[in-house]
Amino acid sequence: MRKGAVGSSWNAERNTVKVKPHMTKKRGVNSRSDMNREVYVVGVISDTHGLLRPEIAAAFAGVHVILHAGDVGGRSVLDALSKMAPVEAVYGNVDDRHDPSLARERVVSVGGVTIHVSHGHELGRPTPELALARYEGDVVVFGHTHRAIIQQGVAGRVGLNPGAAGPRRFDLRPSVARLTIVAGAPSEIDVEIISLA
């Protein structure tokens, strides 16, 4: 089950949560003061296991960068994603950790927001709490469990698992996530889980 927390608002109908990494008071990206601020969109995907569903192209339309949280399952997945946007990827427990295109972890800064990406298998059974305790970053992305979850932690930090985008397993719907970041001081983040099937 996806979770929100104090300082966030969960919209079950849209599968979104609006989070405030620095406990901002502003809501959304459409206010008058947002008009002069840069907006960045990040596609987040994990556990493709060699399968890139055709729905992903629509889910990632217009993204500035794609973050893959491991268990990629082959170079062809990264090649296809890189036709949509630049890709930053980490290896998971089924990937070749010596593949030069995959790192153990990645730290990316987008619109003033620091995003840490790892697969999560290094945590055993990863949860947002474990990932947020282990890694720094405004948003900590992990995969491995195949369960989509968004959780806001201390100081407005966000733990995010986009779910598994590859073959359907464990009676879970395949999914990805989109982060919409409004740059500023402080930055604002909107996180959306997108079901694929």
C-alpha atoms as a PDB file:
ATOM      1  CA  MET A   1       0.000   0.000   0.000  1.00  0.00           C
ATOM      2  CA  ARG A   2       1.247   3.457  -0.840  1.00  0.00           C
ATOM      3  CA  LYS A   3       1.627   5.730   2.132  1.00  0.00           C
ATOM      4  CA  GLY A   4       1.610   9.428   2.760  1.00  0.00           C
ATOM      5  CA  ALA A   5       2.699  11.098   5.972  1.00  0.00           C
ATOM      6  CA  VAL A   6       2.440  14.324   7.877  1.00  0.00           C
ATOM      7  CA  GLY A   7       3.217  17.102   5.418  1.00  0.00           C
ATOM      8  CA  SER A   8       2.018  15.118   2.407  1.00  0.00           C
ATOM      9  CA  SER A   9      -1.349  14.533   0.803  1.00  0.00           C
ATOM     10  CA  TRP A  10      -2.347  11.245  -0.836  1.00  0.00           C
ATOM     11  CA  ASN A  11      -4.794  11.228  -3.742  1.00  0.00           C
ATOM     12  CA  ALA A  12      -5.926   7.610  -4.192  1.00  0.00           C
ATOM     13  CA  GLU A  13      -7.913   8.425  -7.320  1.00  0.00           C
ATOM     14  CA  ARG A  14      -4.847   9.771  -9.159  1.00  0.00           C
ATOM     15  CA  ASN A  15      -2.287   7.575  -7.341  1.00  0.00           C
ATOM     16  CA  THR A  16      -0.291  10.644  -6.386  1.00  0.00           C
ATOM     17  CA  VAL A  17       1.152  12.179  -3.290  1.00  0.00           C
ATOM     18  CA  LYS A  18       2.211  15.791  -3.031  1.00  0.00           C
ATOM     19  CA  VAL A  19       5.255  16.004  -0.814  1.00  0.00           C
ATOM     20  CA  LYS A  20       7.187  18.901   0.583  1.00  0.00           C
ATOM     21  CA  PRO A  21      10.829  17.946   1.018  1.00  0.00           C
ATOM     22  CA  HIS A  22      11.568  21.139   2.903  1.00  0.00           C
ATOM     23  CA  MET A  23       8.105  21.512   4.456  1.00  0.00           C
ATOM     24  CA  THR A  24       7.107  24.294   2.075  1.00  0.00           C
ATOM     25  CA  LYS A  25       3.742  25.981   2.425  1.00  0.00           C
ATOM     26  CA  LYS A  26       3.004  26.210  -1.306  1.00  0.00           C
ATOM     27  CA  ARG A  27       0.756  23.690  -3.054  1.00  0.00           C
ATOM     28  CA  GLY A  28       1.048  22.472  -6.631  1.00  0.00           C
ATOM     29  CA  VAL A  29       2.840  23.923  -9.637  1.00  0.00           C
ATOM     30  CA  ASN A  30       0.156  26.251 -10.952  1.00  0.00           C
ATOM     31  CA  SER A  31       0.325  29.145  -8.526  1.00  0.00           C
ATOM     32  CA  ARG A  32       1.243  32.593  -9.875  1.00  0.00           C
ATOM     33  CA  SER A  33       4.696  32.498  -8.249  1.00  0.00           C
ATOM     34  CA  ASP A  34       5.517  29.177  -9.994  1.00  0.00           C
ATOM     35  CA  MET A  35       5.258  30.747 -13.449  1.00  0.00           C
ATOM     36  CA  ASN A  36       8.880  31.932 -13.389  1.00  0.00           C
ATOM     37  CA  ARG A  37      10.291  28.770 -11.804  1.00  0.00           C
ATOM     38  CA  GLU A  38      11.807  25.880 -13.729  1.00  0.00           C
ATOM     39  CA  VAL A  39       9.809  22.628 -13.750  1.00  0.00           C
ATOM     40  CA  TYR A  40      11.615  19.303 -14.242  1.00  0.00           C
ATOM     41  CA  VAL A  41      10.039  15.890 -14.762  1.00  0.00           C
ATOM     42  CA  VAL A  42      11.897  12.702 -13.809  1.00  0.00           C
ATOM     43  CA  GLY A  43      10.846   9.200 -14.867  1.00  0.00           C
ATOM     44  CA  VAL A  44      11.553   6.535 -12.236  1.00  0.00           C
ATOM     45  CA  ILE A  45      11.547   2.840 -13.113  1.00  0.00           C
ATOM     46  CA  SER A  46      12.773  -0.398 -11.551  1.00  0.00           C
ATOM     47  CA  ASP A  47      12.729  -4.168 -11.924  1.00  0.00           C
ATOM     48  CA  THR A  48      12.189  -4.356 -15.682  1.00  0.00           C
ATOM     49  CA  HIS A  49      13.856  -7.792 -15.796  1.00  0.00           C
ATOM     50  CA  GLY A  50      14.445  -7.451 -19.548  1.00  0.00           C
ATOM     51  CA  LEU A  51      10.886  -6.318 -20.412  1.00  0.00           C
ATOM     52  CA  LEU A  52      10.146  -2.759 -21.471  1.00  0.00           C
ATOM     53  CA  ARG A  53       6.369  -2.425 -21.731  1.00  0.00           C
ATOM     54  CA  PRO A  54       5.047  -0.207 -24.544  1.00  0.00           C
ATOM     55  CA  GLU A  55       3.005   1.851 -22.030  1.00  0.00           C
ATOM     56  CA  ILE A  56       6.246   3.208 -20.572  1.00  0.00           C
ATOM     57  CA  ALA A  57       6.752   5.523 -23.557  1.00  0.00           C
ATOM     58  CA  ALA A  58       3.487   7.334 -22.755  1.00  0.00           C
ATOM     59  CA  ALA A  59       4.190   7.344 -19.008  1.00  0.00           C
ATOM     60  CA  PHE A  60       7.595   8.947 -19.603  1.00  0.00           C
ATOM     61  CA  ALA A  61       6.551  11.393 -22.337  1.00  0.00           C
ATOM     62  CA  GLY A  62       8.299  14.710 -21.737  1.00  0.00           C
ATOM     63  CA  VAL A  63      10.607  13.586 -18.914  1.00  0.00           C
ATOM     64  CA  HIS A  64      14.018  15.256 -18.627  1.00  0.00           C
ATOM     65  CA  VAL A  65      15.834  12.210 -17.229  1.00  0.00           C
ATOM     66  CA  ILE A  66      15.014   8.572 -16.413  1.00  0.00           C
ATOM     67  CA  LEU A  67      16.309   6.897 -13.246  1.00  0.00           C
ATOM     68  CA  HIS A  68      16.398   3.070 -13.277  1.00  0.00           C
ATOM     69  CA  ALA A  69      16.653   1.482  -9.816  1.00  0.00           C
ATOM     70  CA  GLY A  70      18.064  -1.849 -10.957  1.00  0.00           C
ATOM     71  CA  ASP A  71      17.206  -5.359 -12.098  1.00  0.00           C
ATOM     72  CA  VAL A  72      17.399  -3.927 -15.602  1.00  0.00           C
ATOM     73  CA  GLY A  73      17.740  -7.311 -17.294  1.00  0.00           C
ATOM     74  CA  GLY A  74      19.804  -6.315 -20.313  1.00  0.00           C
ATOM     75  CA  ARG A  75      21.299  -3.547 -22.380  1.00  0.00           C
ATOM     76  CA  SER A  76      18.281  -3.437 -24.732  1.00  0.00           C
ATOM     77  CA  VAL A  77      16.135  -1.952 -21.928  1.00  0.00           C
ATOM     78  CA  LEU A  78      18.612   0.880 -21.341  1.00  0.00           C
ATOM     79  CA  ASP A  79      18.970   1.487 -25.088  1.00  0.00           C
ATOM     80  CA  ALA A  80      15.191   1.811 -25.506  1.00  0.00           C
ATOM     81  CA  LEU A  81      14.864   4.101 -22.469  1.00  0.00           C
ATOM     82  CA  SER A  82      17.730   6.304 -23.693  1.00  0.00           C
ATOM     83  CA  LYS A  83      15.699   7.065 -26.830  1.00  0.00           C
ATOM     84  CA  MET A  84      13.142   8.744 -24.519  1.00  0.00           C
ATOM     85  CA  ALA A  85      15.547  10.712 -22.280  1.00  0.00           C
ATOM     86  CA  PRO A  86      19.024  10.442 -20.710  1.00  0.00           C
ATOM     87  CA  VAL A  87      19.219   7.438 -18.352  1.00  0.00           C
ATOM     88  CA  GLU A  88      20.996   6.998 -15.021  1.00  0.00           C
ATOM     89  CA  ALA A  89      20.876   3.355 -13.905  1.00  0.00           C
ATOM     90  CA  VAL A  90      22.078   1.160 -11.056  1.00  0.00           C
ATOM     91  CA  TYR A  91      22.499  -2.592 -10.961  1.00  0.00           C
ATOM     92  CA  GLY A  92      20.210  -4.908  -9.056  1.00  0.00           C
ATOM     93  CA  ASN A  93      20.733  -8.405  -7.751  1.00  0.00           C
ATOM     94  CA  VAL A  94      20.071  -9.974 -11.200  1.00  0.00           C
ATOM     95  CA  ASP A  95      22.295  -7.573 -13.179  1.00  0.00           C
ATOM     96  CA  ASP A  96      26.004  -7.782 -13.985  1.00  0.00           C
ATOM     97  CA  ARG A  97      27.606  -5.513 -11.413  1.00  0.00           C
ATOM     98  CA  HIS A  98      30.616  -5.148 -13.731  1.00  0.00           C
ATOM     99  CA  ASP A  99      28.494  -3.604 -16.509  1.00  0.00           C
ATOM    100  CA  PRO A 100      30.022  -0.125 -17.001  1.00  0.00           C
ATOM    101  CA  SER A 101      26.603   1.429 -17.688  1.00  0.00           C
ATOM    102  CA  LEU A 102      25.334   0.381 -14.238  1.00  0.00           C
ATOM    103  CA  ALA A 103      26.557   1.761 -10.913  1.00  0.00           C
ATOM    104  CA  ARG A 104      26.044   0.471  -7.367  1.00  0.00           C
ATOM    105  CA  GLU A 105      24.301   3.750  -6.556  1.00  0.00           C
ATOM    106  CA  ARG A 106      23.740   7.107  -8.206  1.00  0.00           C
ATOM    107  CA  VAL A 107      23.204  10.575  -6.783  1.00  0.00           C
ATOM    108  CA  VAL A 108      21.545  13.020  -9.171  1.00  0.00           C
ATOM    109  CA  SER A 109      20.605  16.658  -8.606  1.00  0.00           C
ATOM    110  CA  VAL A 110      17.515  17.923 -10.450  1.00  0.00           C
ATOM    111  CA  GLY A 111      16.114  21.402  -9.859  1.00  0.00           C
ATOM    112  CA  GLY A 112      17.900  21.702  -6.526  1.00  0.00           C
ATOM    113  CA  VAL A 113      16.580  18.318  -5.329  1.00  0.00           C
ATOM    114  CA  THR A 114      19.114  15.572  -4.569  1.00  0.00           C
ATOM    115  CA  ILE A 115      17.933  12.100  -5.597  1.00  0.00           C
ATOM    116  CA  HIS A 116      19.754   8.970  -4.400  1.00  0.00           C
ATOM    117  CA  VAL A 117      19.155   5.766  -6.398  1.00  0.00           C
ATOM    118  CA  SER A 118      20.079   2.198  -5.422  1.00  0.00           C
ATOM    119  CA  HIS A 119      18.377  -1.138  -5.993  1.00  0.00           C
ATOM    120  CA  GLY A 120      17.763  -1.800  -2.309  1.00  0.00           C
ATOM    121  CA  HIS A 121      18.840  -5.462  -2.217  1.00  0.00           C
ATOM    122  CA  GLU A 122      21.850  -4.325  -0.185  1.00  0.00           C
ATOM    123  CA  LEU A 123      19.348  -3.522   2.605  1.00  0.00           C
ATOM    124  CA  GLY A 124      17.913  -7.057   2.714  1.00  0.00           C
ATOM    125  CA  ARG A 125      14.169  -6.374   2.647  1.00  0.00           C
ATOM    126  CA  PRO A 126      14.163  -2.665   1.795  1.00  0.00           C
ATOM    127  CA  THR A 127      11.555  -0.294   3.164  1.00  0.00           C
ATOM    128  CA  PRO A 128      11.366   3.486   2.846  1.00  0.00           C
ATOM    129  CA  GLU A 129      12.455   3.774   6.494  1.00  0.00           C
ATOM    130  CA  LEU A 130      15.574   1.644   5.921  1.00  0.00           C
ATOM    131  CA  ALA A 131      16.471   3.444   2.691  1.00  0.00           C
ATOM    132  CA  LEU A 132      16.017   6.896   4.234  1.00  0.00           C
ATOM    133  CA  ALA A 133      18.120   5.894   7.265  1.00  0.00           C
ATOM    134  CA  ARG A 134      20.958   4.524   5.108  1.00  0.00           C
ATOM    135  CA  TYR A 135      21.176   7.091   2.308  1.00  0.00           C
ATOM    136  CA  GLU A 136      21.248  10.865   2.050  1.00  0.00           C
ATOM    137  CA  GLY A 137      19.152  12.819  -0.413  1.00  0.00           C
ATOM    138  CA  ASP A 138      15.863  14.673  -0.585  1.00  0.00           C
ATOM    139  CA  VAL A 139      14.404  11.687  -2.453  1.00  0.00           C
ATOM    140  CA  VAL A 140      15.720   8.145  -1.936  1.00  0.00           C
ATOM    141  CA  VAL A 141      14.713   5.743  -4.726  1.00  0.00           C
ATOM    142  CA  PHE A 142      14.946   1.959  -4.449  1.00  0.00           C
ATOM    143  CA  GLY A 143      13.402  -1.136  -6.033  1.00  0.00           C
ATOM    144  CA  HIS A 144      13.784  -4.877  -5.374  1.00  0.00           C
ATOM    145  CA  THR A 145      10.450  -5.513  -3.585  1.00  0.00           C
ATOM    146  CA  HIS A 146       8.300  -4.869  -6.696  1.00  0.00           C
ATOM    147  CA  ARG A 147       5.875  -2.918  -4.443  1.00  0.00           C
ATOM    148  CA  ALA A 148       5.176   0.714  -5.290  1.00  0.00           C
ATOM    149  CA  ILE A 149       5.349   2.947  -2.230  1.00  0.00           C
ATOM    150  CA  ILE A 150       5.814   6.626  -1.465  1.00  0.00           C
ATOM    151  CA  GLN A 151       6.600   7.646   2.080  1.00  0.00           C
ATOM    152  CA  GLN A 152       7.649  10.951   3.544  1.00  0.00           C
ATOM    153  CA  GLY A 153      10.199  10.779   6.321  1.00  0.00           C
ATOM    154  CA  VAL A 154      11.832  13.165   8.751  1.00  0.00           C
ATOM    155  CA  ALA A 155      12.484  16.702   7.459  1.00  0.00           C
ATOM    156  CA  GLY A 156      10.261  16.049   4.457  1.00  0.00           C
ATOM    157  CA  ARG A 157      12.614  13.535   2.807  1.00  0.00           C
ATOM    158  CA  VAL A 158      10.874  11.055   0.502  1.00  0.00           C
ATOM    159  CA  GLY A 159      11.370   7.289   0.176  1.00  0.00           C
ATOM    160  CA  LEU A 160      10.131   6.014  -3.209  1.00  0.00           C
ATOM    161  CA  ASN A 161       9.823   2.580  -4.761  1.00  0.00           C
ATOM    162  CA  PRO A 162       8.222   2.917  -8.223  1.00  0.00           C
ATOM    163  CA  GLY A 163       7.193  -0.750  -8.209  1.00  0.00           C
ATOM    164  CA  ALA A 164       8.221  -3.267 -10.866  1.00  0.00           C
ATOM    165  CA  ALA A 165       7.777  -2.322 -14.518  1.00  0.00           C
ATOM    166  CA  GLY A 166       8.715  -5.739 -15.922  1.00  0.00           C
ATOM    167  CA  PRO A 167       6.983  -9.115 -15.888  1.00  0.00           C
ATOM    168  CA  ARG A 168       4.016  -9.266 -13.520  1.00  0.00           C
ATOM    169  CA  ARG A 169       4.855 -11.081 -10.279  1.00  0.00           C
ATOM    170  CA  PHE A 170       3.410 -11.476  -6.797  1.00  0.00           C
ATOM    171  CA  ASP A 171      -0.083 -10.368  -7.990  1.00  0.00           C
ATOM    172  CA  LEU A 172       1.211  -6.776  -8.167  1.00  0.00           C
ATOM    173  CA  ARG A 173       0.372  -4.417 -11.018  1.00  0.00           C
ATOM    174  CA  PRO A 174       3.379  -3.217 -13.006  1.00  0.00           C
ATOM    175  CA  SER A 175       4.119   0.461 -12.407  1.00  0.00           C
ATOM    176  CA  VAL A 176       6.554   3.341 -12.789  1.00  0.00           C
ATOM    177  CA  ALA A 177       6.724   6.782 -11.163  1.00  0.00           C
ATOM    178  CA  ARG A 178       7.050  10.400 -12.261  1.00  0.00           C
ATOM    179  CA  LEU A 179       8.568  13.131 -10.115  1.00  0.00           C
ATOM    180  CA  THR A 180       7.627  16.688 -11.007  1.00  0.00           C
ATOM    181  CA  ILE A 181      10.082  19.098  -9.419  1.00  0.00           C
ATOM    182  CA  VAL A 182       9.479  22.829  -9.241  1.00  0.00           C
ATOM    183  CA  ALA A 183      12.896  24.372  -8.694  1.00  0.00           C
ATOM    184  CA  GLY A 184      13.311  27.062  -6.112  1.00  0.00           C
ATOM    185  CA  ALA A 185      14.242  27.749  -2.557  1.00  0.00           C
ATOM    186  CA  PRO A 186      12.797  25.494  -1.395  1.00  0.00           C
ATOM    187  CA  SER A 187      11.989  23.139  -4.265  1.00  0.00           C
ATOM    188  CA  GLU A 188       8.655  21.336  -4.457  1.00  0.00           C
ATOM    189  CA  ILE A 189       8.032  17.747  -5.525  1.00  0.00           C
ATOM    190  CA  ASP A 190       4.937  15.954  -6.798  1.00  0.00           C
ATOM    191  CA  VAL A 191       5.237  12.146  -6.962  1.00  0.00           C
ATOM    192  CA  GLU A 192       2.912  10.036  -9.103  1.00  0.00           C
ATOM    193  CA  ILE A 193       2.757   6.234  -9.352  1.00  0.00           C
ATOM    194  CA  ILE A 194       1.526   5.174 -12.807  1.00  0.00           C
ATOM    195  CA  SER A 195       0.019   1.693 -13.235  1.00  0.00           C
ATOM    196  CA  LEU A 196       1.001   0.073 -16.539  1.00  0.00           C
ATOM    197  CA  ALA A 197      -1.432  -2.817 -16.886  1.00  0.00           C
END
